[in-house]
Amino acid sequence: MPARRALLALPALLALPGGPAAAEEMRRPLSWQQRRFRHVVRQVLEFSCGSASLATILTYFLGRPTGEADVITVLRERYPTREAWRERAETGFSLGDLIFAAERLGFAAQAARVPVEQLGRVAGPLVVHLDKGRWQHFSVLRASHEGVFYLADPMVGQTSMLEGGFRREYTGAALAVWRRGEALPTRSPLQVIRDGISVERNLADAVRAVGLMPRGDFALPF
């Protein structure tokens, strides 16, 4: 483009949404913190890692933008009195609570006991329960491959654990969430790991294969 024509076009480009300003935004590097929590809903409250983990799966796996506050708002319906909510804030949400919230938001959900050896068969992310010693914790297992477990953790962001460490913390309790009557996503942000690994098998089949847990409250803090 001749220089004069380019200069004449410049004001129009500056006025266009998504022009140079958008290009500048694209060029701006992400901070370490932004990269760490990319595709992760961060927990805000001390007891809310379960609600943040569910929001992460709904947003970045199932494509339904959901904030931690959206899940907590639904759960307030389950504990309408001040005393009941205060008790839940002290003990943390249970898997039963997360199933309740997922179903109220229009999704199917089921908790299961999934041995570590079978986690690699699961096609999509799961909410997993971890025993951190001093506290109990929910996180999102994105995938496992060759002894490495990739997590989208509401407390620390994207992280990974070697099998030995994961085995020590994982209690065997996991939660699957999916849309009724729809195929599972295969290329969601949670399923594409930075080293190129993706998980593309059938989540529902894997959950059924390992046996379902009772639907009653599986009381776990955090």
C-alpha atoms as a PDB file:
ATOM      1  CA  MET A   1       0.000   0.000   0.000  1.00  0.00           C
ATOM      2  CA  PRO A   2       1.488   3.406  -0.937  1.00  0.00           C
ATOM      3  CA  ALA A   3       2.489   5.529   2.028  1.00  0.00           C
ATOM      4  CA  ARG A   4      -0.113   8.268   1.337  1.00  0.00           C
ATOM      5  CA  ARG A   5      -2.917   5.698   1.076  1.00  0.00           C
ATOM      6  CA  ALA A   6      -1.767   4.036   4.281  1.00  0.00           C
ATOM      7  CA  LEU A   7      -1.818   7.348   6.140  1.00  0.00           C
ATOM      8  CA  LEU A   8      -5.312   8.099   4.860  1.00  0.00           C
ATOM      9  CA  ALA A   9      -6.505   4.696   6.056  1.00  0.00           C
ATOM     10  CA  LEU A  10      -4.980   5.097   9.528  1.00  0.00           C
ATOM     11  CA  PRO A  11      -7.808   7.220  11.071  1.00  0.00           C
ATOM     12  CA  ALA A  12     -10.375   4.659   9.927  1.00  0.00           C
ATOM     13  CA  LEU A  13      -8.368   1.832  11.441  1.00  0.00           C
ATOM     14  CA  LEU A  14      -8.084   3.667  14.733  1.00  0.00           C
ATOM     15  CA  ALA A  15     -11.844   4.063  14.836  1.00  0.00           C
ATOM     16  CA  LEU A  16     -12.562   0.398  14.219  1.00  0.00           C
ATOM     17  CA  PRO A  17     -13.301  -1.792  17.251  1.00  0.00           C
ATOM     18  CA  GLY A  18     -10.774  -4.567  17.224  1.00  0.00           C
ATOM     19  CA  GLY A  19      -8.243  -2.474  15.262  1.00  0.00           C
ATOM     20  CA  PRO A  20      -4.863  -1.378  16.658  1.00  0.00           C
ATOM     21  CA  ALA A  21      -6.180  -1.353  20.241  1.00  0.00           C
ATOM     22  CA  ALA A  22      -7.195  -4.999  19.932  1.00  0.00           C
ATOM     23  CA  ALA A  23      -3.865  -5.820  18.301  1.00  0.00           C
ATOM     24  CA  GLU A  24      -2.069  -4.164  21.215  1.00  0.00           C
ATOM     25  CA  GLU A  25      -4.174  -6.241  23.605  1.00  0.00           C
ATOM     26  CA  MET A  26      -3.192  -9.389  21.729  1.00  0.00           C
ATOM     27  CA  ARG A  27       0.498  -8.472  21.874  1.00  0.00           C
ATOM     28  CA  ARG A  28       0.446  -7.696  25.589  1.00  0.00           C
ATOM     29  CA  PRO A  29       2.063 -10.629  27.407  1.00  0.00           C
ATOM     30  CA  LEU A  30       0.152 -12.344  30.176  1.00  0.00           C
ATOM     31  CA  SER A  31       1.517 -12.034  33.669  1.00  0.00           C
ATOM     32  CA  TRP A  32       2.629 -15.156  35.524  1.00  0.00           C
ATOM     33  CA  GLN A  33      -0.538 -14.969  37.615  1.00  0.00           C
ATOM     34  CA  GLN A  34      -2.767 -14.632  34.550  1.00  0.00           C
ATOM     35  CA  ARG A  35      -1.097 -17.596  32.888  1.00  0.00           C
ATOM     36  CA  ARG A  36      -1.376 -19.646  36.057  1.00  0.00           C
ATOM     37  CA  PHE A  37      -5.126 -19.089  36.368  1.00  0.00           C
ATOM     38  CA  ARG A  38      -5.984 -19.203  32.678  1.00  0.00           C
ATOM     39  CA  HIS A  39      -9.017 -21.485  32.272  1.00  0.00           C
ATOM     40  CA  VAL A  40      -9.393 -21.780  36.043  1.00  0.00           C
ATOM     41  CA  VAL A  41     -12.116 -20.190  38.196  1.00  0.00           C
ATOM     42  CA  ARG A  42     -10.283 -18.986  41.257  1.00  0.00           C
ATOM     43  CA  GLN A  43     -11.803 -19.541  44.682  1.00  0.00           C
ATOM     44  CA  VAL A  44     -12.520 -16.387  46.671  1.00  0.00           C
ATOM     45  CA  LEU A  45     -13.697 -17.823  49.980  1.00  0.00           C
ATOM     46  CA  GLU A  46     -11.789 -20.136  52.284  1.00  0.00           C
ATOM     47  CA  PHE A  47     -14.426 -22.862  51.979  1.00  0.00           C
ATOM     48  CA  SER A  48     -15.371 -22.425  48.321  1.00  0.00           C
ATOM     49  CA  CYS A  49     -12.920 -24.603  46.376  1.00  0.00           C
ATOM     50  CA  GLY A  50     -15.786 -26.987  45.563  1.00  0.00           C
ATOM     51  CA  SER A  51     -17.956 -24.280  44.035  1.00  0.00           C
ATOM     52  CA  ALA A  52     -14.982 -22.857  42.126  1.00  0.00           C
ATOM     53  CA  SER A  53     -14.078 -26.318  40.809  1.00  0.00           C
ATOM     54  CA  LEU A  54     -17.626 -26.872  39.573  1.00  0.00           C
ATOM     55  CA  ALA A  55     -17.625 -23.424  37.954  1.00  0.00           C
ATOM     56  CA  THR A  56     -14.330 -24.292  36.225  1.00  0.00           C
ATOM     57  CA  ILE A  57     -15.823 -27.423  34.649  1.00  0.00           C
ATOM     58  CA  LEU A  58     -19.040 -25.686  33.596  1.00  0.00           C
ATOM     59  CA  THR A  59     -17.142 -22.772  32.054  1.00  0.00           C
ATOM     60  CA  TYR A  60     -14.096 -24.331  30.441  1.00  0.00           C
ATOM     61  CA  PHE A  61     -15.297 -27.861  29.696  1.00  0.00           C
ATOM     62  CA  LEU A  62     -19.033 -27.606  29.070  1.00  0.00           C
ATOM     63  CA  GLY A  63     -19.017 -24.068  27.675  1.00  0.00           C
ATOM     64  CA  ARG A  64     -21.462 -22.495  30.130  1.00  0.00           C
ATOM     65  CA  PRO A  65     -19.798 -19.376  31.582  1.00  0.00           C
ATOM     66  CA  THR A  66     -20.280 -19.706  35.335  1.00  0.00           C
ATOM     67  CA  GLY A  67     -18.719 -17.825  38.205  1.00  0.00           C
ATOM     68  CA  GLU A  68     -18.079 -19.090  41.681  1.00  0.00           C
ATOM     69  CA  ALA A  69     -20.769 -16.686  42.910  1.00  0.00           C
ATOM     70  CA  ASP A  70     -23.327 -18.328  40.590  1.00  0.00           C
ATOM     71  CA  VAL A  71     -22.758 -21.700  42.233  1.00  0.00           C
ATOM     72  CA  ILE A  72     -22.805 -20.252  45.734  1.00  0.00           C
ATOM     73  CA  THR A  73     -26.079 -18.443  44.994  1.00  0.00           C
ATOM     74  CA  VAL A  74     -27.663 -21.765  44.042  1.00  0.00           C
ATOM     75  CA  LEU A  75     -26.295 -23.442  47.152  1.00  0.00           C
ATOM     76  CA  ARG A  76     -27.783 -20.755  49.375  1.00  0.00           C
ATOM     77  CA  GLU A  77     -31.161 -22.194  48.355  1.00  0.00           C
ATOM     78  CA  ARG A  78     -30.146 -25.471  49.965  1.00  0.00           C
ATOM     79  CA  TYR A  79     -29.145 -23.775  53.224  1.00  0.00           C
ATOM     80  CA  PRO A  80     -31.651 -20.926  53.583  1.00  0.00           C
ATOM     81  CA  THR A  81     -31.207 -20.227  57.302  1.00  0.00           C
ATOM     82  CA  ARG A  82     -28.310 -18.292  58.748  1.00  0.00           C
ATOM     83  CA  GLU A  83     -27.412 -21.169  61.067  1.00  0.00           C
ATOM     84  CA  ALA A  84     -27.350 -23.754  58.270  1.00  0.00           C
ATOM     85  CA  TRP A  85     -25.200 -21.527  56.082  1.00  0.00           C
ATOM     86  CA  ARG A  86     -22.798 -20.767  58.912  1.00  0.00           C
ATOM     87  CA  GLU A  87     -22.353 -24.490  59.539  1.00  0.00           C
ATOM     88  CA  ARG A  88     -21.699 -25.124  55.839  1.00  0.00           C
ATOM     89  CA  ALA A  89     -19.164 -22.303  55.772  1.00  0.00           C
ATOM     90  CA  GLU A  90     -17.338 -24.017  58.632  1.00  0.00           C
ATOM     91  CA  THR A  91     -17.384 -27.532  57.184  1.00  0.00           C
ATOM     92  CA  GLY A  92     -17.241 -26.743  53.462  1.00  0.00           C
ATOM     93  CA  PHE A  93     -19.408 -27.942  50.618  1.00  0.00           C
ATOM     94  CA  SER A  94     -19.986 -31.660  50.047  1.00  0.00           C
ATOM     95  CA  LEU A  95     -20.148 -33.633  46.816  1.00  0.00           C
ATOM     96  CA  GLY A  96     -23.888 -33.769  47.405  1.00  0.00           C
ATOM     97  CA  ASP A  97     -23.915 -29.973  47.392  1.00  0.00           C
ATOM     98  CA  LEU A  98     -22.039 -29.856  44.091  1.00  0.00           C
ATOM     99  CA  ILE A  99     -24.464 -32.359  42.539  1.00  0.00           C
ATOM    100  CA  PHE A 100     -27.359 -30.213  43.765  1.00  0.00           C
ATOM    101  CA  ALA A 101     -25.843 -27.070  42.223  1.00  0.00           C
ATOM    102  CA  ALA A 102     -24.984 -28.756  38.911  1.00  0.00           C
ATOM    103  CA  GLU A 103     -28.508 -30.119  38.529  1.00  0.00           C
ATOM    104  CA  ARG A 104     -30.087 -26.776  39.431  1.00  0.00           C
ATOM    105  CA  LEU A 105     -27.947 -25.197  36.723  1.00  0.00           C
ATOM    106  CA  GLY A 106     -29.266 -27.699  34.177  1.00  0.00           C
ATOM    107  CA  PHE A 107     -26.563 -30.375  34.100  1.00  0.00           C
ATOM    108  CA  ALA A 108     -26.307 -34.025  35.063  1.00  0.00           C
ATOM    109  CA  ALA A 109     -23.801 -34.934  37.764  1.00  0.00           C
ATOM    110  CA  GLN A 110     -22.727 -38.099  39.550  1.00  0.00           C
ATOM    111  CA  ALA A 111     -20.122 -38.874  42.193  1.00  0.00           C
ATOM    112  CA  ALA A 112     -18.123 -42.090  42.014  1.00  0.00           C
ATOM    113  CA  ARG A 113     -15.234 -43.903  43.627  1.00  0.00           C
ATOM    114  CA  VAL A 114     -12.612 -43.885  40.871  1.00  0.00           C
ATOM    115  CA  PRO A 115      -9.297 -45.653  41.571  1.00  0.00           C
ATOM    116  CA  VAL A 116      -6.150 -43.833  40.500  1.00  0.00           C
ATOM    117  CA  GLU A 117      -5.448 -46.558  37.947  1.00  0.00           C
ATOM    118  CA  GLN A 118      -8.710 -45.817  36.126  1.00  0.00           C
ATOM    119  CA  LEU A 119      -8.459 -42.023  36.032  1.00  0.00           C
ATOM    120  CA  GLY A 120      -6.494 -42.235  32.784  1.00  0.00           C
ATOM    121  CA  ARG A 121      -9.548 -43.772  31.088  1.00  0.00           C
ATOM    122  CA  VAL A 122     -11.768 -40.801  31.844  1.00  0.00           C
ATOM    123  CA  ALA A 123     -12.567 -38.662  28.838  1.00  0.00           C
ATOM    124  CA  GLY A 124     -13.128 -35.334  30.502  1.00  0.00           C
ATOM    125  CA  PRO A 125     -12.260 -33.318  33.574  1.00  0.00           C
ATOM    126  CA  LEU A 126     -13.467 -34.449  36.997  1.00  0.00           C
ATOM    127  CA  VAL A 127     -13.829 -32.693  40.319  1.00  0.00           C
ATOM    128  CA  VAL A 128     -11.567 -34.703  42.620  1.00  0.00           C
ATOM    129  CA  HIS A 129     -11.258 -34.658  46.392  1.00  0.00           C
ATOM    130  CA  LEU A 130      -7.790 -34.276  47.885  1.00  0.00           C
ATOM    131  CA  ASP A 131      -6.714 -34.689  51.495  1.00  0.00           C
ATOM    132  CA  LYS A 132      -4.111 -31.987  52.119  1.00  0.00           C
ATOM    133  CA  GLY A 133      -3.541 -33.070  55.694  1.00  0.00           C
ATOM    134  CA  ARG A 134      -4.491 -29.887  57.515  1.00  0.00           C
ATOM    135  CA  TRP A 135      -7.512 -29.335  55.272  1.00  0.00           C
ATOM    136  CA  GLN A 136      -9.675 -31.069  52.686  1.00  0.00           C
ATOM    137  CA  HIS A 137      -9.740 -29.732  49.153  1.00  0.00           C
ATOM    138  CA  PHE A 138     -11.577 -30.005  45.826  1.00  0.00           C
ATOM    139  CA  SER A 139      -9.704 -29.557  42.563  1.00  0.00           C
ATOM    140  CA  VAL A 140     -10.286 -30.290  38.866  1.00  0.00           C
ATOM    141  CA  LEU A 141      -8.370 -33.161  37.319  1.00  0.00           C
ATOM    142  CA  ARG A 142      -7.929 -32.233  33.669  1.00  0.00           C
ATOM    143  CA  ALA A 143      -6.094 -35.371  32.558  1.00  0.00           C
ATOM    144  CA  SER A 144      -3.527 -37.939  33.621  1.00  0.00           C
ATOM    145  CA  HIS A 145      -0.795 -39.310  31.400  1.00  0.00           C
ATOM    146  CA  GLU A 146       2.273 -41.451  32.080  1.00  0.00           C
ATOM    147  CA  GLY A 147       2.312 -40.765  35.796  1.00  0.00           C
ATOM    148  CA  VAL A 148       1.564 -37.045  35.596  1.00  0.00           C
ATOM    149  CA  PHE A 149      -1.760 -35.628  36.844  1.00  0.00           C
ATOM    150  CA  TYR A 150      -2.769 -32.263  35.410  1.00  0.00           C
ATOM    151  CA  LEU A 151      -4.966 -30.082  37.608  1.00  0.00           C
ATOM    152  CA  ALA A 152      -6.912 -26.849  37.259  1.00  0.00           C
ATOM    153  CA  ASP A 153      -6.810 -25.939  40.914  1.00  0.00           C
ATOM    154  CA  PRO A 154      -8.971 -23.127  42.331  1.00  0.00           C
ATOM    155  CA  MET A 155      -6.297 -22.283  44.886  1.00  0.00           C
ATOM    156  CA  VAL A 156      -3.046 -22.411  42.884  1.00  0.00           C
ATOM    157  CA  GLY A 157      -4.195 -22.410  39.237  1.00  0.00           C
ATOM    158  CA  GLN A 158      -2.836 -24.734  36.559  1.00  0.00           C
ATOM    159  CA  THR A 159      -0.521 -27.259  38.113  1.00  0.00           C
ATOM    160  CA  SER A 160       0.552 -30.889  37.889  1.00  0.00           C
ATOM    161  CA  MET A 161       1.450 -33.643  40.329  1.00  0.00           C
ATOM    162  CA  LEU A 162       3.534 -36.757  39.933  1.00  0.00           C
ATOM    163  CA  GLU A 163       1.720 -40.012  40.616  1.00  0.00           C
ATOM    164  CA  GLY A 164       3.248 -40.592  44.041  1.00  0.00           C
ATOM    165  CA  GLY A 165       2.135 -37.236  45.384  1.00  0.00           C
ATOM    166  CA  PHE A 166      -1.290 -37.501  43.798  1.00  0.00           C
ATOM    167  CA  ARG A 167      -1.841 -40.968  45.273  1.00  0.00           C
ATOM    168  CA  ARG A 168      -1.015 -39.674  48.743  1.00  0.00           C
ATOM    169  CA  GLU A 169      -3.643 -36.921  48.544  1.00  0.00           C
ATOM    170  CA  TYR A 170      -6.406 -38.338  46.351  1.00  0.00           C
ATOM    171  CA  THR A 171      -9.183 -39.916  48.437  1.00  0.00           C
ATOM    172  CA  GLY A 172     -10.774 -41.776  45.516  1.00  0.00           C
ATOM    173  CA  ALA A 173     -13.853 -39.503  45.385  1.00  0.00           C
ATOM    174  CA  ALA A 174     -14.598 -37.868  42.038  1.00  0.00           C
ATOM    175  CA  LEU A 175     -17.489 -36.010  40.452  1.00  0.00           C
ATOM    176  CA  ALA A 176     -18.450 -36.101  36.766  1.00  0.00           C
ATOM    177  CA  VAL A 177     -20.647 -33.412  35.194  1.00  0.00           C
ATOM    178  CA  TRP A 178     -22.155 -33.482  31.704  1.00  0.00           C
ATOM    179  CA  ARG A 179     -25.012 -32.201  29.558  1.00  0.00           C
ATOM    180  CA  ARG A 180     -27.865 -34.671  29.226  1.00  0.00           C
ATOM    181  CA  GLY A 181     -28.324 -36.003  25.715  1.00  0.00           C
ATOM    182  CA  GLU A 182     -25.218 -34.314  24.295  1.00  0.00           C
ATOM    183  CA  ALA A 183     -21.825 -35.628  23.278  1.00  0.00           C
ATOM    184  CA  LEU A 184     -18.955 -34.607  25.495  1.00  0.00           C
ATOM    185  CA  PRO A 185     -16.613 -31.889  24.244  1.00  0.00           C
ATOM    186  CA  THR A 186     -13.290 -33.194  22.975  1.00  0.00           C
ATOM    187  CA  ARG A 187     -11.260 -30.001  22.488  1.00  0.00           C
ATOM    188  CA  SER A 188     -12.323 -27.786  25.376  1.00  0.00           C
ATOM    189  CA  PRO A 189      -9.729 -25.541  27.054  1.00  0.00           C
ATOM    190  CA  LEU A 190      -9.516 -27.950  29.980  1.00  0.00           C
ATOM    191  CA  GLN A 191      -8.814 -30.942  27.752  1.00  0.00           C
ATOM    192  CA  VAL A 192      -5.864 -29.541  25.810  1.00  0.00           C
ATOM    193  CA  ILE A 193      -2.801 -29.755  27.990  1.00  0.00           C
ATOM    194  CA  ARG A 194       0.202 -27.573  27.240  1.00  0.00           C
ATOM    195  CA  ASP A 195       2.348 -30.556  26.342  1.00  0.00           C
ATOM    196  CA  GLY A 196      -0.194 -31.532  23.667  1.00  0.00           C
ATOM    197  CA  ILE A 197      -2.010 -34.267  25.568  1.00  0.00           C
ATOM    198  CA  SER A 198      -5.778 -34.238  25.169  1.00  0.00           C
ATOM    199  CA  VAL A 199      -8.435 -36.480  26.641  1.00  0.00           C
ATOM    200  CA  GLU A 200     -11.074 -37.707  24.229  1.00  0.00           C
ATOM    201  CA  ARG A 201     -12.762 -40.805  25.631  1.00  0.00           C
ATOM    202  CA  ASN A 202     -16.266 -41.249  26.963  1.00  0.00           C
ATOM    203  CA  LEU A 203     -16.625 -39.833  30.462  1.00  0.00           C
ATOM    204  CA  ALA A 204     -19.988 -41.393  31.218  1.00  0.00           C
ATOM    205  CA  ASP A 205     -18.786 -44.887  30.277  1.00  0.00           C
ATOM    206  CA  ALA A 206     -15.744 -44.537  32.498  1.00  0.00           C
ATOM    207  CA  VAL A 207     -17.843 -43.410  35.455  1.00  0.00           C
ATOM    208  CA  ARG A 208     -20.281 -46.298  34.988  1.00  0.00           C
ATOM    209  CA  ALA A 209     -17.402 -48.755  34.713  1.00  0.00           C
ATOM    210  CA  VAL A 210     -16.044 -47.988  38.162  1.00  0.00           C
ATOM    211  CA  GLY A 211     -19.382 -48.043  40.009  1.00  0.00           C
ATOM    212  CA  LEU A 212     -21.447 -45.179  41.359  1.00  0.00           C
ATOM    213  CA  MET A 213     -21.365 -43.823  44.873  1.00  0.00           C
ATOM    214  CA  PRO A 214     -24.573 -43.258  46.834  1.00  0.00           C
ATOM    215  CA  ARG A 215     -26.278 -39.978  46.015  1.00  0.00           C
ATOM    216  CA  GLY A 216     -26.527 -38.887  49.640  1.00  0.00           C
ATOM    217  CA  ASP A 217     -24.270 -36.191  51.023  1.00  0.00           C
ATOM    218  CA  PHE A 218     -20.694 -37.363  50.901  1.00  0.00           C
ATOM    219  CA  ALA A 219     -19.626 -34.885  53.552  1.00  0.00           C
ATOM    220  CA  LEU A 220     -16.236 -33.451  52.683  1.00  0.00           C
ATOM    221  CA  PRO A 221     -14.956 -30.087  53.884  1.00  0.00           C
ATOM    222  CA  PHE A 222     -13.927 -27.476  51.353  1.00  0.00           C
END
